[in-house]
Amino acid sequence: LESWLRQQGVGDLSEVRIAVLEPTGKVSVSRGDERPGLFRQLGEQ
């Protein structure tokens, strides 16, 4: 998953929120934007 995140252009993994969507098991990845509390959806795998 970490290599896939880097392919998406995610450099700082500490700002990334990863959530597993039950019951599908998909992984939802979002990263904090410039503004606090605002998260931008990066994609699903």
PDB file of N, CA and C in Angstrom:
ATOM      1  N   LEU A   1       0.842  -1.200   0.000  1.00  0.00           N
ATOM      2  CA  LEU A   1       0.000   0.000   0.000  1.00  0.00           C
ATOM      3  C   LEU A   1       0.877   1.250   0.000  1.00  0.00           C
ATOM      4  N   GLU A   2       1.984   1.186   0.683  1.00  0.00           N
ATOM      5  CA  GLU A   2       2.842   2.370   0.765  1.00  0.00           C
ATOM      6  C   GLU A   2       3.433   2.727  -0.591  1.00  0.00           C
ATOM      7  N   SER A   3       3.809   1.694  -1.361  1.00  0.00           N
ATOM      8  CA  SER A   3       4.346   1.979  -2.697  1.00  0.00           C
ATOM      9  C   SER A   3       3.264   2.551  -3.598  1.00  0.00           C
ATOM     10  N   TRP A   4       2.009   2.083  -3.427  1.00  0.00           N
ATOM     11  CA  TRP A   4       0.910   2.625  -4.232  1.00  0.00           C
ATOM     12  C   TRP A   4       0.672   4.090  -3.879  1.00  0.00           C
ATOM     13  N   LEU A   5       0.797   4.426  -2.589  1.00  0.00           N
ATOM     14  CA  LEU A   5       0.626   5.816  -2.167  1.00  0.00           C
ATOM     15  C   LEU A   5       1.688   6.701  -2.798  1.00  0.00           C
ATOM     16  N   ARG A   6       2.911   6.201  -2.869  1.00  0.00           N
ATOM     17  CA  ARG A   6       3.978   7.003  -3.468  1.00  0.00           C
ATOM     18  C   ARG A   6       3.760   7.173  -4.966  1.00  0.00           C
ATOM     19  N   GLN A   7       3.129   6.187  -5.595  1.00  0.00           N
ATOM     20  CA  GLN A   7       2.804   6.327  -7.019  1.00  0.00           C
ATOM     21  C   GLN A   7       1.756   7.419  -7.216  1.00  0.00           C
ATOM     22  N   GLN A   8       0.904   7.637  -6.215  1.00  0.00           N
ATOM     23  CA  GLN A   8      -0.121   8.665  -6.301  1.00  0.00           C
ATOM     24  C   GLN A   8       0.448  10.041  -5.984  1.00  0.00           C
ATOM     25  N   GLY A   9       1.734  10.095  -5.685  1.00  0.00           N
ATOM     26  CA  GLY A   9       2.353  11.379  -5.408  1.00  0.00           C
ATOM     27  C   GLY A   9       2.299  11.785  -3.954  1.00  0.00           C
ATOM     28  N   VAL A  10       2.060  10.835  -3.068  1.00  0.00           N
ATOM     29  CA  VAL A  10       2.019  11.148  -1.648  1.00  0.00           C
ATOM     30  C   VAL A  10       3.435  11.059  -1.099  1.00  0.00           C
ATOM     31  N   GLY A  11       3.970  12.182  -0.668  1.00  0.00           N
ATOM     32  CA  GLY A  11       5.334  12.174  -0.168  1.00  0.00           C
ATOM     33  C   GLY A  11       5.413  11.968   1.333  1.00  0.00           C
ATOM     34  N   ASP A  12       4.553  12.686   2.065  1.00  0.00           N
ATOM     35  CA  ASP A  12       4.591  12.626   3.520  1.00  0.00           C
ATOM     36  C   ASP A  12       3.471  11.728   4.013  1.00  0.00           C
ATOM     37  N   LEU A  13       3.821  10.502   4.384  1.00  0.00           N
ATOM     38  CA  LEU A  13       2.785   9.554   4.803  1.00  0.00           C
ATOM     39  C   LEU A  13       2.213   9.896   6.167  1.00  0.00           C
ATOM     40  N   SER A  14       2.859  10.794   6.900  1.00  0.00           N
ATOM     41  CA  SER A  14       2.344  11.140   8.222  1.00  0.00           C
ATOM     42  C   SER A  14       1.063  11.967   8.117  1.00  0.00           C
ATOM     43  N   GLU A  15       0.834  12.584   6.961  1.00  0.00           N
ATOM     44  CA  GLU A  15      -0.379  13.400   6.791  1.00  0.00           C
ATOM     45  C   GLU A  15      -1.515  12.606   6.146  1.00  0.00           C
ATOM     46  N   VAL A  16      -1.285  11.312   5.968  1.00  0.00           N
ATOM     47  CA  VAL A  16      -2.269  10.507   5.249  1.00  0.00           C
ATOM     48  C   VAL A  16      -3.161   9.766   6.224  1.00  0.00           C
ATOM     49  N   ARG A  17      -4.464   9.807   5.956  1.00  0.00           N
ATOM     50  CA  ARG A  17      -5.405   8.999   6.724  1.00  0.00           C
ATOM     51  C   ARG A  17      -5.826   7.818   5.858  1.00  0.00           C
ATOM     52  N   ILE A  18      -5.710   6.626   6.401  1.00  0.00           N
ATOM     53  CA  ILE A  18      -6.101   5.415   5.677  1.00  0.00           C
ATOM     54  C   ILE A  18      -7.241   4.760   6.434  1.00  0.00           C
ATOM     55  N   ALA A  19      -8.328   4.476   5.725  1.00  0.00           N
ATOM     56  CA  ALA A  19      -9.476   3.830   6.340  1.00  0.00           C
ATOM     57  C   ALA A  19      -9.893   2.647   5.483  1.00  0.00           C
ATOM     58  N   VAL A  20     -10.129   1.510   6.136  1.00  0.00           N
ATOM     59  CA  VAL A  20     -10.615   0.334   5.422  1.00  0.00           C
ATOM     60  C   VAL A  20     -12.134   0.370   5.443  1.00  0.00           C
ATOM     61  N   LEU A  21     -12.738   0.351   4.253  1.00  0.00           N
ATOM     62  CA  LEU A  21     -14.184   0.447   4.150  1.00  0.00           C
ATOM     63  C   LEU A  21     -14.793  -0.944   4.294  1.00  0.00           C
ATOM     64  N   GLU A  22     -15.462  -1.172   5.400  1.00  0.00           N
ATOM     65  CA  GLU A  22     -16.154  -2.444   5.604  1.00  0.00           C
ATOM     66  C   GLU A  22     -17.545  -2.345   4.985  1.00  0.00           C
ATOM     67  N   PRO A  23     -18.124  -3.440   4.465  1.00  0.00           N
ATOM     68  CA  PRO A  23     -17.513  -4.764   4.456  1.00  0.00           C
ATOM     69  C   PRO A  23     -16.757  -5.073   3.159  1.00  0.00           C
ATOM     70  N   THR A  24     -16.577  -4.070   2.308  1.00  0.00           N
ATOM     71  CA  THR A  24     -15.975  -4.335   1.005  1.00  0.00           C
ATOM     72  C   THR A  24     -14.483  -4.595   1.131  1.00  0.00           C
ATOM     73  N   GLY A  25     -13.844  -4.032   2.158  1.00  0.00           N
ATOM     74  CA  GLY A  25     -12.421  -4.225   2.331  1.00  0.00           C
ATOM     75  C   GLY A  25     -11.593  -3.262   1.484  1.00  0.00           C
ATOM     76  N   LYS A  26     -12.273  -2.334   0.791  1.00  0.00           N
ATOM     77  CA  LYS A  26     -11.532  -1.331   0.031  1.00  0.00           C
ATOM     78  C   LYS A  26     -10.798  -0.397   0.967  1.00  0.00           C
ATOM     79  N   VAL A  27      -9.735   0.178   0.468  1.00  0.00           N
ATOM     80  CA  VAL A  27      -8.948   1.098   1.286  1.00  0.00           C
ATOM     81  C   VAL A  27      -9.187   2.520   0.793  1.00  0.00           C
ATOM     82  N   SER A  28      -9.670   3.370   1.682  1.00  0.00           N
ATOM     83  CA  SER A  28      -9.889   4.768   1.350  1.00  0.00           C
ATOM     84  C   SER A  28      -8.731   5.581   1.897  1.00  0.00           C
ATOM     85  N   VAL A  29      -8.132   6.374   1.021  1.00  0.00           N
ATOM     86  CA  VAL A  29      -6.956   7.153   1.412  1.00  0.00           C
ATOM     87  C   VAL A  29      -7.251   8.634   1.222  1.00  0.00           C
ATOM     88  N   SER A  30      -6.993   9.426   2.245  1.00  0.00           N
ATOM     89  CA  SER A  30      -7.177  10.861   2.142  1.00  0.00           C
ATOM     90  C   SER A  30      -6.015  11.557   2.814  1.00  0.00           C
ATOM     91  N   ARG A  31      -5.705  12.740   2.328  1.00  0.00           N
ATOM     92  CA  ARG A  31      -4.569  13.505   2.857  1.00  0.00           C
ATOM     93  C   ARG A  31      -5.037  14.885   3.281  1.00  0.00           C
ATOM     94  N   GLY A  32      -4.443  15.383   4.376  1.00  0.00           N
ATOM     95  CA  GLY A  32      -4.801  16.707   4.852  1.00  0.00           C
ATOM     96  C   GLY A  32      -4.397  17.774   3.855  1.00  0.00           C
ATOM     97  N   ASP A  33      -5.277  18.717   3.652  1.00  0.00           N
ATOM     98  CA  ASP A  33      -5.003  19.796   2.719  1.00  0.00           C
ATOM     99  C   ASP A  33      -4.360  20.963   3.474  1.00  0.00           C
ATOM    100  N   GLU A  34      -4.222  22.100   2.780  1.00  0.00           N
ATOM    101  CA  GLU A  34      -3.624  23.264   3.434  1.00  0.00           C
ATOM    102  C   GLU A  34      -4.444  23.682   4.646  1.00  0.00           C
ATOM    103  N   ARG A  35      -5.771  23.639   4.503  1.00  0.00           N
ATOM    104  CA  ARG A  35      -6.628  24.086   5.592  1.00  0.00           C
ATOM    105  C   ARG A  35      -6.841  22.940   6.591  1.00  0.00           C
ATOM    106  N   PRO A  36      -6.754  23.210   7.873  1.00  0.00           N
ATOM    107  CA  PRO A  36      -6.939  22.174   8.889  1.00  0.00           C
ATOM    108  C   PRO A  36      -8.340  21.581   8.816  1.00  0.00           C
ATOM    109  N   GLY A  37      -8.430  20.274   8.974  1.00  0.00           N
ATOM    110  CA  GLY A  37      -9.730  19.625   9.002  1.00  0.00           C
ATOM    111  C   GLY A  37     -10.262  19.280   7.621  1.00  0.00           C
ATOM    112  N   LEU A  38      -9.601  19.784   6.583  1.00  0.00           N
ATOM    113  CA  LEU A  38     -10.069  19.498   5.233  1.00  0.00           C
ATOM    114  C   LEU A  38      -9.229  18.380   4.648  1.00  0.00           C
ATOM    115  N   PHE A  39      -9.898  17.293   4.276  1.00  0.00           N
ATOM    116  CA  PHE A  39      -9.182  16.159   3.724  1.00  0.00           C
ATOM    117  C   PHE A  39      -9.637  15.930   2.293  1.00  0.00           C
ATOM    118  N   ARG A  40      -8.641  15.694   1.449  1.00  0.00           N
ATOM    119  CA  ARG A  40      -8.931  15.503   0.040  1.00  0.00           C
ATOM    120  C   ARG A  40      -8.818  14.014  -0.273  1.00  0.00           C
ATOM    121  N   GLN A  41      -9.840  13.494  -0.917  1.00  0.00           N
ATOM    122  CA  GLN A  41      -9.832  12.074  -1.252  1.00  0.00           C
ATOM    123  C   GLN A  41      -8.790  11.807  -2.330  1.00  0.00           C
ATOM    124  N   LEU A  42      -7.866  10.901  -2.042  1.00  0.00           N
ATOM    125  CA  LEU A  42      -6.808  10.593  -2.999  1.00  0.00           C
ATOM    126  C   LEU A  42      -7.177   9.413  -3.894  1.00  0.00           C
ATOM    127  N   GLY A  43      -8.043   8.543  -3.417  1.00  0.00           N
ATOM    128  CA  GLY A  43      -8.434   7.420  -4.248  1.00  0.00           C
ATOM    129  C   GLY A  43      -8.702   6.180  -3.421  1.00  0.00           C
ATOM    130  N   GLU A  44      -9.161   5.161  -4.115  1.00  0.00           N
ATOM    131  CA  GLU A  44      -9.454   3.889  -3.463  1.00  0.00           C
ATOM    132  C   GLU A  44      -8.724   2.786  -4.202  1.00  0.00           C
ATOM    133  N   GLN A  45      -8.382   1.758  -3.452  1.00  0.00           N
ATOM    134  CA  GLN A  45      -7.739   0.598  -4.076  1.00  0.00           C
ATOM    135  C   GLN A  45      -8.354  -0.669  -3.538  1.00  0.00           C
TER     136      GLN A  45
END
